Each structure stands twice: as structure tokens, then as C-alpha cells.
Amino acid sequence: MNASRLVTFLGMLALAFWATSIAYTRLLAESLGPYSTVGFSFLAGGLALFVIDAIRFRRLPRPWAIPRAYLWVCGPCFVAYLFFYGVGFAKASSRDVILQLTAVNYLWPALTLLFAVGMFPCRVRWVSLLVGIALSLGGVGTAVLGEMDWSRVTAAVKADWVPYALVVGGAVTWALYSAGARKFAGGANGMPLFQVVGGLLALGFAWANGEAAAWGSLPTSVWWPFVYYALFVAGGAYWFWDVAMQKGDLVLLGVLSYFLPLLSVLFSSWRLDQPAGQGVYVGCVLLVAGAALCRRGATLTEGVHQCQK
């Protein structure tokens, strides 16, 4: 397996871990609080990545070696994304709203692809690209909202407009981060630093809001999801994705990411005990068709790599 395929595979692993993230974000926030969930999990994940890097390179991490454009463009995008994503899903008034927010969250694959087309020299087949994006987004909406009464959807948006706005912000900032990491990182990996900074800021918000996680009284049913979330979702998945965005096949990963809403809805439906309707199957067909068209719609004009996600 060559280097490009290896890092692309790491991006695929990141997508698999992220399929579980929404359900566990909600479950942990119900026990720990929204800011504490983001703060403790990403602080632990970032510190774990620092340790791994120190072992790999046999030296302490050197944050000052990170390219300035990557640090000051991608760093704030990632920290903002942590707040938008984590707090948005935690603040939803009920678990059934989570599936609706999932559809909004997965605007980021299409946005990332569009940002990448704007940032990199690509050969674009606009008809294929735009139709593919439309079909994919239609698949997301059908999979998540197809079985719901639209009056309930409208009422949910009015009642939970803050979580919806936060999740939209998360989709935009994560798309900007993903495309920006490819353009500005220059092979550096600032993910451990970004996670530690974001985690510390979230803990500051937890303290300012009087949110105290009662760790001593938490059952093992919460501890094990926290360990998994911190190490594999907050730590491993974001590190894998950061590397994949720099050196992997962005278009392929972007295409595969269109399947993430379906996997996430199915997992969240099971883990949160919120049944998904038949619309997910229709949505899957639309996602596959849209993914195929998007894959055909954008290609880098430099080198052999395809214009990634």
C-alpha cells in the first residue's frame, strides 16, 4: 500500500469513527454537560496525540514549527467547530431532534468539496458536480426527514433554533478547516495543539457556566463511552482526517463522506433508541447516485492526485 492509499485509508477510518460520534456526543452530554463533554474528551484526545507524536518522533512536539497560515486559519476554524458541533447537539431539547440536526450537520461534505474547488486548480464538470451535490443532499434530507411530518420539522426548528444555528456553523467551519488543512499545512499536523486549546477553552466555559461533571458518581456505562470517544473519536479520527486532507484522495473521501449521514443516522437511531423510518433506504439510493456523480465532477489539474473532498 503506497503512502497516498494509506492516508486515504486513515480517512476512511475517521469516517467510521465519526458515524458513532453524534450519538455519543449526546449521551455523554446528558451525563457530563455539553461544555464538559467537549472539554474533557478533546483535551484527553489531544494529550494522547501529543504522547503518540513524542513516541513516534522521539522528541517533544514543536507547536512553533506549524506553518503560520495553517495555525491562524485552520486553528480558529477547528476550535470554533468544536463549540458549534458539541454544544449544538448537546443543547437539542430532545433526542428525536438529534436525527434532524444530523441532516443539517452533513452539509459539510458538499461545502468542503465546493471550498476545495475554489482553493485548488481543478478540472470541474459543473453539471455532474452540482447534480451530484443536489442528489446527495436530497439523500441526506430523505434519509433523516423522509418519515417525519414537515409541520413537526418546522416546529422543531423554531423551538431549537440555537442548536440548528450552531450545527450549521459547525458544518461551515469544519468544511473550511478540511479544505484549508490541505492548502496551508505543508505536511504539519496541528491537530493535537488545536484539540488541547479547544478542550481547555471548553472547560473554561464549563467553569464559567457552573457546569461541574460529577465524575465520582458516573457509572461504568458512561466511563467506557467516554474513553472510546476521547481516544478514537476526538483523538484518532480527527488526527486521521487531518493527515488524509493533506495527502490523501480528497474527492474519494468526500464521496465516501456522503454515506456518513446514513451510517450516523442508523447508529444514532439504535444507540439513542429513536427508530429510523423507511426514508433511509430511499436516501441511500440517492446518496450512492450523488456520490458517483460527484466523483466524476472534480479532478485536480496538477499531478496525479484527484481534487480531494
Protein backbone atom coordinates (compact mmCIF):
# COMPACT_ATOMS: atom_id res chain seq x y z
CA MET A 1 0.00 0.00 0.00
CA ASN A 2 1.57 3.31 -1.07
CA ALA A 3 1.55 6.41 1.14
CA SER A 4 -1.41 8.07 -0.57
CA ARG A 5 -3.58 4.97 -0.24
CA LEU A 6 -2.55 4.52 3.39
CA VAL A 7 -3.56 8.02 4.43
CA THR A 8 -6.76 7.69 2.40
CA PHE A 9 -7.50 4.53 4.39
CA LEU A 10 -6.92 6.50 7.59
CA GLY A 11 -9.50 8.99 6.34
CA MET A 12 -11.92 6.10 5.88
CA LEU A 13 -11.30 5.01 9.49
CA ALA A 14 -12.04 8.56 10.60
CA LEU A 15 -15.39 8.41 8.80
CA ALA A 16 -16.20 5.09 10.52
CA PHE A 17 -15.48 6.55 13.97
CA TRP A 18 -17.48 9.68 13.15
CA ALA A 19 -20.51 7.58 12.31
CA THR A 20 -20.75 6.98 16.07
CA SER A 21 -19.88 10.49 17.22
CA ILE A 22 -23.29 12.18 17.25
CA ALA A 23 -24.90 9.51 19.40
CA TYR A 24 -22.04 9.53 21.89
CA THR A 25 -21.85 13.34 21.95
CA ARG A 26 -25.47 13.39 23.05
CA LEU A 27 -25.17 10.51 25.52
CA LEU A 28 -22.10 11.96 27.23
CA ALA A 29 -23.56 15.47 27.32
CA GLU A 30 -26.62 14.15 29.15
CA SER A 31 -24.30 12.91 31.93
CA LEU A 32 -21.41 15.40 31.88
CA GLY A 33 -22.90 18.55 30.38
CA PRO A 34 -22.17 20.00 26.91
CA TYR A 35 -19.03 22.00 27.69
CA SER A 36 -17.53 19.33 29.93
CA THR A 37 -18.10 16.68 27.25
CA VAL A 38 -16.25 18.73 24.63
CA GLY A 39 -13.60 19.93 27.08
CA PHE A 40 -12.57 16.68 28.75
CA SER A 41 -12.84 14.48 25.65
CA PHE A 42 -10.85 16.71 23.30
CA LEU A 43 -8.30 17.64 25.96
CA ALA A 44 -7.72 13.92 26.62
CA GLY A 45 -7.63 13.16 22.89
CA GLY A 46 -5.19 15.99 22.18
CA LEU A 47 -2.84 14.97 25.00
CA ALA A 48 -2.92 11.37 23.78
CA LEU A 49 -1.90 12.56 20.31
CA PHE A 50 0.96 14.60 21.79
CA VAL A 51 2.23 11.45 23.54
CA ILE A 52 1.94 9.38 20.36
CA ASP A 53 3.83 12.01 18.36
CA ALA A 54 6.55 12.16 21.02
CA ILE A 55 6.98 8.37 20.83
CA ARG A 56 6.93 8.33 17.02
CA PHE A 57 9.47 11.10 16.52
CA ARG A 58 11.45 10.56 19.76
CA ARG A 59 11.22 14.21 20.70
CA LEU A 60 8.78 16.59 22.30
CA PRO A 61 6.19 18.15 19.96
CA ARG A 62 7.16 21.51 18.49
CA PRO A 63 3.99 23.60 18.04
CA TRP A 64 6.08 26.59 16.93
CA ALA A 65 7.07 24.67 13.79
CA ILE A 66 3.48 24.74 12.49
CA PRO A 67 3.11 26.98 9.40
CA ARG A 68 1.59 30.31 10.39
CA ALA A 69 -1.18 30.26 7.78
CA TYR A 70 -2.23 26.77 8.94
CA LEU A 71 -2.09 27.86 12.59
CA TRP A 72 -4.07 31.08 12.25
CA VAL A 73 -6.57 29.96 9.60
CA CYS A 74 -7.24 26.33 10.47
CA GLY A 75 -6.74 26.59 14.24
CA PRO A 76 -9.62 29.03 14.88
CA CYS A 77 -11.83 27.09 12.44
CA PHE A 78 -11.25 23.88 14.39
CA VAL A 79 -11.80 25.43 17.82
CA ALA A 80 -15.00 27.13 16.60
CA TYR A 81 -16.14 23.84 15.11
CA LEU A 82 -15.73 22.06 18.47
CA PHE A 83 -18.09 24.51 20.13
CA PHE A 84 -20.63 24.58 17.31
CA TYR A 85 -20.74 20.79 16.94
CA GLY A 86 -20.53 19.65 20.55
CA VAL A 87 -22.78 22.28 22.11
CA GLY A 88 -25.24 22.21 19.20
CA PHE A 89 -26.06 18.53 19.61
CA ALA A 90 -25.97 18.74 23.40
CA LYS A 91 -28.42 21.67 23.52
CA ALA A 92 -31.13 19.96 21.46
CA SER A 93 -34.33 19.80 23.51
CA SER A 94 -34.91 16.08 22.91
CA ARG A 95 -33.33 13.05 21.33
CA ASP A 96 -35.71 12.95 18.37
CA VAL A 97 -34.39 16.37 17.28
CA ILE A 98 -30.91 14.82 17.02
CA LEU A 99 -31.79 12.99 13.79
CA GLN A 100 -32.95 16.25 12.23
CA LEU A 101 -29.78 18.03 13.33
CA THR A 102 -27.80 15.18 11.78
CA ALA A 103 -29.13 16.17 8.35
CA VAL A 104 -28.01 19.77 8.91
CA ASN A 105 -24.58 18.67 10.16
CA TYR A 106 -23.89 16.71 6.99
CA LEU A 107 -23.94 19.78 4.83
CA TRP A 108 -20.16 19.77 5.39
CA PRO A 109 -19.18 17.23 2.70
CA ALA A 110 -20.77 19.34 -0.05
CA LEU A 111 -19.36 22.54 1.43
CA THR A 112 -15.87 21.02 1.67
CA LEU A 113 -15.95 19.97 -1.94
CA LEU A 114 -17.04 23.44 -3.02
CA PHE A 115 -14.33 25.11 -0.92
CA ALA A 116 -11.72 22.74 -2.34
CA VAL A 117 -12.78 23.56 -5.89
CA GLY A 118 -12.28 27.24 -5.03
CA MET A 119 -8.87 26.69 -3.42
CA PHE A 120 -7.19 24.26 -5.82
CA PRO A 121 -6.68 24.11 -9.59
CA CYS A 122 -9.35 21.64 -10.62
CA ARG A 123 -10.96 20.48 -13.81
CA VAL A 124 -14.64 20.73 -12.94
CA ARG A 125 -17.60 19.20 -14.74
CA TRP A 126 -20.16 21.50 -13.21
CA VAL A 127 -23.27 19.63 -14.34
CA SER A 128 -22.07 16.37 -12.77
CA LEU A 129 -20.77 18.12 -9.67
CA LEU A 130 -23.86 20.21 -8.96
CA VAL A 131 -26.33 17.44 -9.77
CA GLY A 132 -24.30 15.06 -7.60
CA ILE A 133 -24.31 17.51 -4.70
CA ALA A 134 -28.05 18.06 -5.10
CA LEU A 135 -28.75 14.33 -5.14
CA SER A 136 -26.51 13.75 -2.14
CA LEU A 137 -28.11 16.49 -0.10
CA GLY A 138 -31.51 15.23 -1.18
CA GLY A 139 -30.47 11.79 0.03
CA VAL A 140 -29.44 13.23 3.38
CA GLY A 141 -32.75 15.00 3.76
CA THR A 142 -34.75 11.96 2.67
CA ALA A 143 -32.85 9.59 4.93
CA VAL A 144 -33.29 11.75 8.01
CA LEU A 145 -36.55 13.61 7.45
CA GLY A 146 -38.45 11.45 4.99
CA GLU A 147 -40.72 9.83 7.57
CA MET A 148 -41.40 12.97 9.62
CA ASP A 149 -44.31 15.37 9.44
CA TRP A 150 -42.99 18.63 8.00
CA SER A 151 -45.04 20.63 10.47
CA ARG A 152 -43.10 18.89 13.24
CA VAL A 153 -39.83 19.73 11.49
CA THR A 154 -40.81 23.42 11.25
CA ALA A 155 -41.89 23.49 14.88
CA ALA A 156 -38.64 21.81 15.94
CA VAL A 157 -36.54 24.41 14.09
CA LYS A 158 -38.46 27.25 15.76
CA ALA A 159 -38.14 25.69 19.21
CA ASP A 160 -34.48 24.70 18.79
CA TRP A 161 -33.15 27.46 16.55
CA VAL A 162 -29.98 27.84 18.64
CA PRO A 163 -28.86 24.20 18.15
CA TYR A 164 -29.73 24.41 14.44
CA ALA A 165 -27.69 27.61 14.05
CA LEU A 166 -24.77 26.08 15.95
CA VAL A 167 -24.78 22.92 13.82
CA VAL A 168 -24.86 25.00 10.60
CA GLY A 169 -21.85 26.91 11.93
CA GLY A 170 -20.14 23.61 12.66
CA ALA A 171 -20.71 22.39 9.10
CA VAL A 172 -19.22 25.59 7.64
CA THR A 173 -16.19 25.77 9.95
CA TRP A 174 -15.36 22.08 9.54
CA ALA A 175 -15.57 22.38 5.75
CA LEU A 176 -13.24 25.38 5.87
CA TYR A 177 -10.83 23.50 8.13
CA SER A 178 -10.77 20.41 5.91
CA ALA A 179 -10.02 22.34 2.73
CA GLY A 180 -7.66 24.76 4.49
CA ALA A 181 -5.58 21.95 6.02
CA ARG A 182 -4.84 20.71 2.52
CA LYS A 183 -3.76 24.15 1.35
CA PHE A 184 -1.83 25.55 4.31
CA ALA A 185 -0.49 22.70 6.48
CA GLY A 186 2.55 21.82 4.37
CA GLY A 187 2.79 18.38 5.98
CA ALA A 188 2.48 19.68 9.56
CA ASN A 189 -0.12 18.26 11.94
CA GLY A 190 -1.55 20.81 14.34
CA MET A 191 -4.43 18.61 15.46
CA PRO A 192 -3.01 17.80 18.93
CA LEU A 193 -2.47 21.50 19.65
CA PHE A 194 -5.87 22.51 18.29
CA GLN A 195 -7.60 19.85 20.38
CA VAL A 196 -5.82 20.80 23.60
CA VAL A 197 -6.59 24.50 23.10
CA GLY A 198 -10.22 23.77 22.22
CA GLY A 199 -10.58 21.41 25.18
CA LEU A 200 -9.16 23.95 27.64
CA LEU A 201 -11.42 26.71 26.31
CA ALA A 202 -14.45 24.43 26.61
CA LEU A 203 -13.53 23.63 30.21
CA GLY A 204 -13.28 27.36 30.83
CA PHE A 205 -16.84 27.74 29.53
CA ALA A 206 -17.93 24.83 31.75
CA TRP A 207 -16.47 26.56 34.80
CA ALA A 208 -17.97 29.94 33.86
CA ASN A 209 -21.42 28.36 33.44
CA GLY A 210 -21.24 26.44 36.71
CA GLU A 211 -21.17 23.11 34.91
CA ALA A 212 -19.44 20.51 37.10
CA ALA A 213 -19.09 16.92 35.88
CA ALA A 214 -19.74 14.51 38.76
CA TRP A 215 -17.01 12.04 37.83
CA GLY A 216 -17.13 10.14 41.10
CA SER A 217 -20.76 9.16 40.66
CA LEU A 218 -20.60 8.21 36.99
CA PRO A 219 -21.43 4.56 36.24
CA THR A 220 -19.21 2.39 34.04
CA SER A 221 -21.86 2.73 31.32
CA VAL A 222 -20.61 6.33 30.93
CA TRP A 223 -16.89 5.78 31.54
CA TRP A 224 -16.37 3.34 28.67
CA PRO A 225 -18.14 5.54 26.08
CA PHE A 226 -16.04 8.47 27.32
CA VAL A 227 -12.77 6.53 26.87
CA TYR A 228 -13.84 5.43 23.38
CA TYR A 229 -14.97 8.94 22.44
CA ALA A 230 -11.80 10.63 23.72
CA LEU A 231 -9.31 8.21 22.15
CA PHE A 232 -10.98 7.17 18.91
CA VAL A 233 -13.46 9.92 18.01
CA ALA A 234 -11.84 13.05 19.48
CA GLY A 235 -8.26 11.83 19.17
CA GLY A 236 -7.75 9.27 16.42
CA ALA A 237 -10.46 10.24 13.94
CA TYR A 238 -9.55 13.93 13.75
CA TRP A 239 -5.84 13.14 13.50
CA PHE A 240 -6.51 10.61 10.72
CA TRP A 241 -8.69 13.11 8.88
CA ASP A 242 -6.14 15.89 9.17
CA VAL A 243 -3.48 13.68 7.56
CA ALA A 244 -5.91 12.45 4.91
CA MET A 245 -6.92 16.01 3.98
CA GLN A 246 -3.26 16.85 3.34
CA LYS A 247 -2.02 13.77 1.49
CA GLY A 248 -4.95 11.52 0.62
CA ASP A 249 -7.55 11.36 -2.12
CA LEU A 250 -9.85 14.25 -1.19
CA VAL A 251 -12.52 13.57 -3.80
CA LEU A 252 -12.77 9.88 -2.87
CA LEU A 253 -13.01 10.73 0.82
CA GLY A 254 -15.52 13.45 0.04
CA VAL A 255 -17.61 10.96 -1.91
CA LEU A 256 -17.42 8.37 0.88
CA SER A 257 -18.37 11.03 3.40
CA TYR A 258 -21.75 11.30 1.68
CA PHE A 259 -22.54 7.86 3.11
CA LEU A 260 -21.72 9.05 6.62
CA PRO A 261 -25.17 10.59 7.26
CA LEU A 262 -26.85 7.26 6.61
CA LEU A 263 -24.43 5.36 8.86
CA SER A 264 -24.69 8.03 11.52
CA VAL A 265 -28.49 8.04 11.44
CA LEU A 266 -28.63 4.25 11.67
CA PHE A 267 -26.17 4.15 14.56
CA SER A 268 -27.79 7.07 16.39
CA SER A 269 -31.23 5.58 15.86
CA TRP A 270 -30.07 2.35 17.52
CA ARG A 271 -27.93 3.89 20.28
CA LEU A 272 -30.44 6.61 21.23
CA ASP A 273 -33.44 4.32 20.78
CA GLN A 274 -35.03 6.56 18.16
CA PRO A 275 -36.37 4.41 15.28
CA ALA A 276 -35.41 5.48 11.74
CA GLY A 277 -38.08 5.28 9.04
CA GLN A 278 -38.12 3.75 5.58
CA GLY A 279 -36.84 7.02 4.16
CA VAL A 280 -33.27 5.99 4.98
CA TYR A 281 -33.37 3.37 2.22
CA VAL A 282 -34.52 5.86 -0.42
CA GLY A 283 -31.91 8.25 0.88
CA CYS A 284 -29.22 5.59 0.46
CA VAL A 285 -30.02 5.23 -3.25
CA LEU A 286 -29.81 9.00 -3.72
CA LEU A 287 -26.53 9.12 -1.80
CA VAL A 288 -24.95 6.44 -4.00
CA ALA A 289 -26.07 8.19 -7.20
CA GLY A 290 -24.90 11.57 -5.93
CA ALA A 291 -21.55 10.16 -4.80
CA ALA A 292 -20.89 8.67 -8.23
CA LEU A 293 -21.63 11.98 -9.96
CA CYS A 294 -19.51 13.99 -7.53
CA ARG A 295 -16.60 11.59 -8.03
CA ARG A 296 -16.80 12.33 -11.76
CA GLY A 297 -17.26 16.07 -11.29
CA ALA A 298 -13.87 17.34 -9.99
CA THR A 299 -10.27 16.42 -10.79
CA LEU A 300 -7.01 18.18 -9.94
CA THR A 301 -5.21 19.61 -12.93
CA GLU A 302 -1.80 19.23 -11.22
CA GLY A 303 -0.18 15.83 -10.62
CA VAL A 304 -1.98 12.54 -10.32
CA HIS A 305 -3.99 13.19 -7.16
CA GLN A 306 -7.62 13.92 -7.53
CA CYS A 307 -9.13 17.12 -6.19
CA GLN A 308 -9.93 15.83 -2.81
CA LYS A 309 -13.11 16.39 -0.93
